[in-house]
């Protein structure tokens, strides 16, 4: 599935009251971001001193890759709903962020 298709159809799975628009996806975004960060925390806890960051535990071999993908998908779902509830164009947001970063990093050169 491509991003635009996801963006166009995400509201089909949104089951929150209209009067919770903006509030519900903002809270969900915060919560799911925390869950994604928790996967990283667990990965850091179970790595060895000399091991670079990995989603695979050093001792048990447990792979958290799929767990992380699912959490990031949830982050994306809430982000898209928030963008839609606010009436923003995601392409404009991408461009604004890109321009901001290009300006910031071109000044450091």
C-alpha atoms as a PDB file:
ATOM      1  CA  UNK A   1       0.000   0.000   0.000  1.00  0.00           C
ATOM      2  CA  UNK A   2       1.269   3.456  -0.892  1.00  0.00           C
ATOM      3  CA  UNK A   3       1.081   6.397   1.510  1.00  0.00           C
ATOM      4  CA  UNK A   4      -1.579   8.305  -0.441  1.00  0.00           C
ATOM      5  CA  UNK A   5      -3.874   5.267  -0.470  1.00  0.00           C
ATOM      6  CA  UNK A   6      -3.362   4.860   3.287  1.00  0.00           C
ATOM      7  CA  UNK A   7      -4.026   8.560   3.822  1.00  0.00           C
ATOM      8  CA  UNK A   8      -7.186   8.455   1.720  1.00  0.00           C
ATOM      9  CA  UNK A   9      -8.645   5.402   3.484  1.00  0.00           C
ATOM     10  CA  UNK A  10      -7.500   5.746   7.111  1.00  0.00           C
ATOM     11  CA  UNK A  11     -10.782   7.312   8.213  1.00  0.00           C
ATOM     12  CA  UNK A  12     -12.538   4.039   7.335  1.00  0.00           C
ATOM     13  CA  UNK A  13     -10.967   2.546  10.459  1.00  0.00           C
ATOM     14  CA  UNK A  14     -11.257   5.614  12.696  1.00  0.00           C
ATOM     15  CA  UNK A  15     -13.836   4.914  15.369  1.00  0.00           C
ATOM     16  CA  UNK A  16     -13.893   7.959  17.574  1.00  0.00           C
ATOM     17  CA  UNK A  17     -16.604  10.519  18.073  1.00  0.00           C
ATOM     18  CA  UNK A  18     -16.522  13.603  15.901  1.00  0.00           C
ATOM     19  CA  UNK A  19     -16.386  15.852  18.966  1.00  0.00           C
ATOM     20  CA  UNK A  20     -13.105  14.089  19.874  1.00  0.00           C
ATOM     21  CA  UNK A  21     -11.520  15.079  16.559  1.00  0.00           C
ATOM     22  CA  UNK A  22      -7.964  16.355  17.056  1.00  0.00           C
ATOM     23  CA  UNK A  23      -7.985  15.397  20.761  1.00  0.00           C
ATOM     24  CA  UNK A  24      -8.291  11.628  20.295  1.00  0.00           C
ATOM     25  CA  UNK A  25      -5.628  11.248  17.599  1.00  0.00           C
ATOM     26  CA  UNK A  26      -3.274  13.629  19.427  1.00  0.00           C
ATOM     27  CA  UNK A  27      -3.520  11.542  22.593  1.00  0.00           C
ATOM     28  CA  UNK A  28      -3.205   8.334  20.587  1.00  0.00           C
ATOM     29  CA  UNK A  29      -0.131   9.674  18.807  1.00  0.00           C
ATOM     30  CA  UNK A  30       1.530  10.420  22.134  1.00  0.00           C
ATOM     31  CA  UNK A  31       0.648   6.989  23.502  1.00  0.00           C
ATOM     32  CA  UNK A  32       1.785   5.033  20.462  1.00  0.00           C
ATOM     33  CA  UNK A  33       5.000   7.039  20.253  1.00  0.00           C
ATOM     34  CA  UNK A  34       5.654   5.997  23.842  1.00  0.00           C
ATOM     35  CA  UNK A  35       5.062   2.356  22.911  1.00  0.00           C
ATOM     36  CA  UNK A  36       7.552   2.619  20.030  1.00  0.00           C
ATOM     37  CA  UNK A  37      10.102   4.200  22.364  1.00  0.00           C
ATOM     38  CA  UNK A  38       9.486   1.375  24.838  1.00  0.00           C
ATOM     39  CA  UNK A  39      10.533  -1.157  22.183  1.00  0.00           C
ATOM     40  CA  UNK A  40      13.778   0.782  21.789  1.00  0.00           C
ATOM     41  CA  UNK A  41      14.225   0.925  25.576  1.00  0.00           C
ATOM     42  CA  UNK A  42      13.913  -2.855  25.820  1.00  0.00           C
ATOM     43  CA  UNK A  43      16.374  -3.274  22.968  1.00  0.00           C
ATOM     44  CA  UNK A  44      18.888  -1.043  24.749  1.00  0.00           C
ATOM     45  CA  UNK A  45      18.398  -2.911  28.034  1.00  0.00           C
ATOM     46  CA  UNK A  46      19.160  -6.285  26.451  1.00  0.00           C
ATOM     47  CA  UNK A  47      22.253  -5.414  24.466  1.00  0.00           C
ATOM     48  CA  UNK A  48      25.832  -6.044  25.426  1.00  0.00           C
ATOM     49  CA  UNK A  49      28.331  -3.305  26.150  1.00  0.00           C
ATOM     50  CA  UNK A  50      30.122  -3.694  22.828  1.00  0.00           C
ATOM     51  CA  UNK A  51      27.024  -4.322  20.717  1.00  0.00           C
ATOM     52  CA  UNK A  52      25.692  -1.529  18.505  1.00  0.00           C
ATOM     53  CA  UNK A  53      21.988  -0.793  18.724  1.00  0.00           C
ATOM     54  CA  UNK A  54      19.852  -3.637  17.437  1.00  0.00           C
ATOM     55  CA  UNK A  55      16.244  -4.717  17.727  1.00  0.00           C
ATOM     56  CA  UNK A  56      17.532  -8.222  18.435  1.00  0.00           C
ATOM     57  CA  UNK A  57      18.333  -9.050  22.084  1.00  0.00           C
ATOM     58  CA  UNK A  58      21.945 -10.037  22.662  1.00  0.00           C
ATOM     59  CA  UNK A  59      21.151 -12.818  25.151  1.00  0.00           C
ATOM     60  CA  UNK A  60      17.804 -14.265  24.118  1.00  0.00           C
ATOM     61  CA  UNK A  61      17.943 -13.479  20.418  1.00  0.00           C
ATOM     62  CA  UNK A  62      14.408 -12.073  20.615  1.00  0.00           C
ATOM     63  CA  UNK A  63      13.747  -9.984  17.531  1.00  0.00           C
ATOM     64  CA  UNK A  64      11.638  -6.875  18.143  1.00  0.00           C
ATOM     65  CA  UNK A  65      11.597  -5.760  14.505  1.00  0.00           C
ATOM     66  CA  UNK A  66       7.970  -6.714  13.807  1.00  0.00           C
ATOM     67  CA  UNK A  67       6.867  -5.218  17.132  1.00  0.00           C
ATOM     68  CA  UNK A  68       8.556  -1.941  16.171  1.00  0.00           C
ATOM     69  CA  UNK A  69       6.974  -1.954  12.719  1.00  0.00           C
ATOM     70  CA  UNK A  70       3.520  -2.433  14.255  1.00  0.00           C
ATOM     71  CA  UNK A  71       4.068   0.415  16.740  1.00  0.00           C
ATOM     72  CA  UNK A  72       5.322   2.755  14.009  1.00  0.00           C
ATOM     73  CA  UNK A  73       2.268   1.826  11.937  1.00  0.00           C
ATOM     74  CA  UNK A  74       0.086   2.848  14.880  1.00  0.00           C
ATOM     75  CA  UNK A  75       2.019   6.131  15.159  1.00  0.00           C
ATOM     76  CA  UNK A  76       1.397   6.712  11.464  1.00  0.00           C
ATOM     77  CA  UNK A  77      -2.340   5.947  11.793  1.00  0.00           C
ATOM     78  CA  UNK A  78      -2.777   8.495  14.578  1.00  0.00           C
ATOM     79  CA  UNK A  79      -0.592  11.043  12.763  1.00  0.00           C
ATOM     80  CA  UNK A  80      -2.700  10.743   9.619  1.00  0.00           C
ATOM     81  CA  UNK A  81      -5.937  11.114  11.574  1.00  0.00           C
ATOM     82  CA  UNK A  82      -4.578  14.185  13.338  1.00  0.00           C
ATOM     83  CA  UNK A  83      -3.482  15.714  10.022  1.00  0.00           C
ATOM     84  CA  UNK A  84      -6.911  14.999   8.526  1.00  0.00           C
ATOM     85  CA  UNK A  85      -8.787  16.343  11.566  1.00  0.00           C
ATOM     86  CA  UNK A  86      -6.792  19.569  11.371  1.00  0.00           C
ATOM     87  CA  UNK A  87      -7.459  19.828   7.633  1.00  0.00           C
ATOM     88  CA  UNK A  88      -3.773  19.872   6.738  1.00  0.00           C
ATOM     89  CA  UNK A  89      -2.245  18.619   3.499  1.00  0.00           C
ATOM     90  CA  UNK A  90       0.442  16.021   4.291  1.00  0.00           C
ATOM     91  CA  UNK A  91       2.428  16.930   1.174  1.00  0.00           C
ATOM     92  CA  UNK A  92       2.616  20.527   2.404  1.00  0.00           C
ATOM     93  CA  UNK A  93       3.830  19.298   5.814  1.00  0.00           C
ATOM     94  CA  UNK A  94       6.491  17.122   4.188  1.00  0.00           C
ATOM     95  CA  UNK A  95       7.659  20.042   2.047  1.00  0.00           C
ATOM     96  CA  UNK A  96       7.700  22.484   4.965  1.00  0.00           C
ATOM     97  CA  UNK A  97       9.753  20.069   7.055  1.00  0.00           C
ATOM     98  CA  UNK A  98      12.109  19.350   4.178  1.00  0.00           C
ATOM     99  CA  UNK A  99      12.625  23.072   3.548  1.00  0.00           C
ATOM    100  CA  UNK A 100      13.214  23.747   7.254  1.00  0.00           C
ATOM    101  CA  UNK A 101      15.818  20.998   7.486  1.00  0.00           C
ATOM    102  CA  UNK A 102      17.559  21.989   4.258  1.00  0.00           C
ATOM    103  CA  UNK A 103      17.812  25.567   5.502  1.00  0.00           C
ATOM    104  CA  UNK A 104      19.083  24.463   8.904  1.00  0.00           C
ATOM    105  CA  UNK A 105      21.742  22.149   7.539  1.00  0.00           C
ATOM    106  CA  UNK A 106      22.825  24.403   4.679  1.00  0.00           C
ATOM    107  CA  UNK A 107      23.660  27.075   7.282  1.00  0.00           C
ATOM    108  CA  UNK A 108      25.958  24.645   9.130  1.00  0.00           C
ATOM    109  CA  UNK A 109      28.129  23.987   6.076  1.00  0.00           C
END
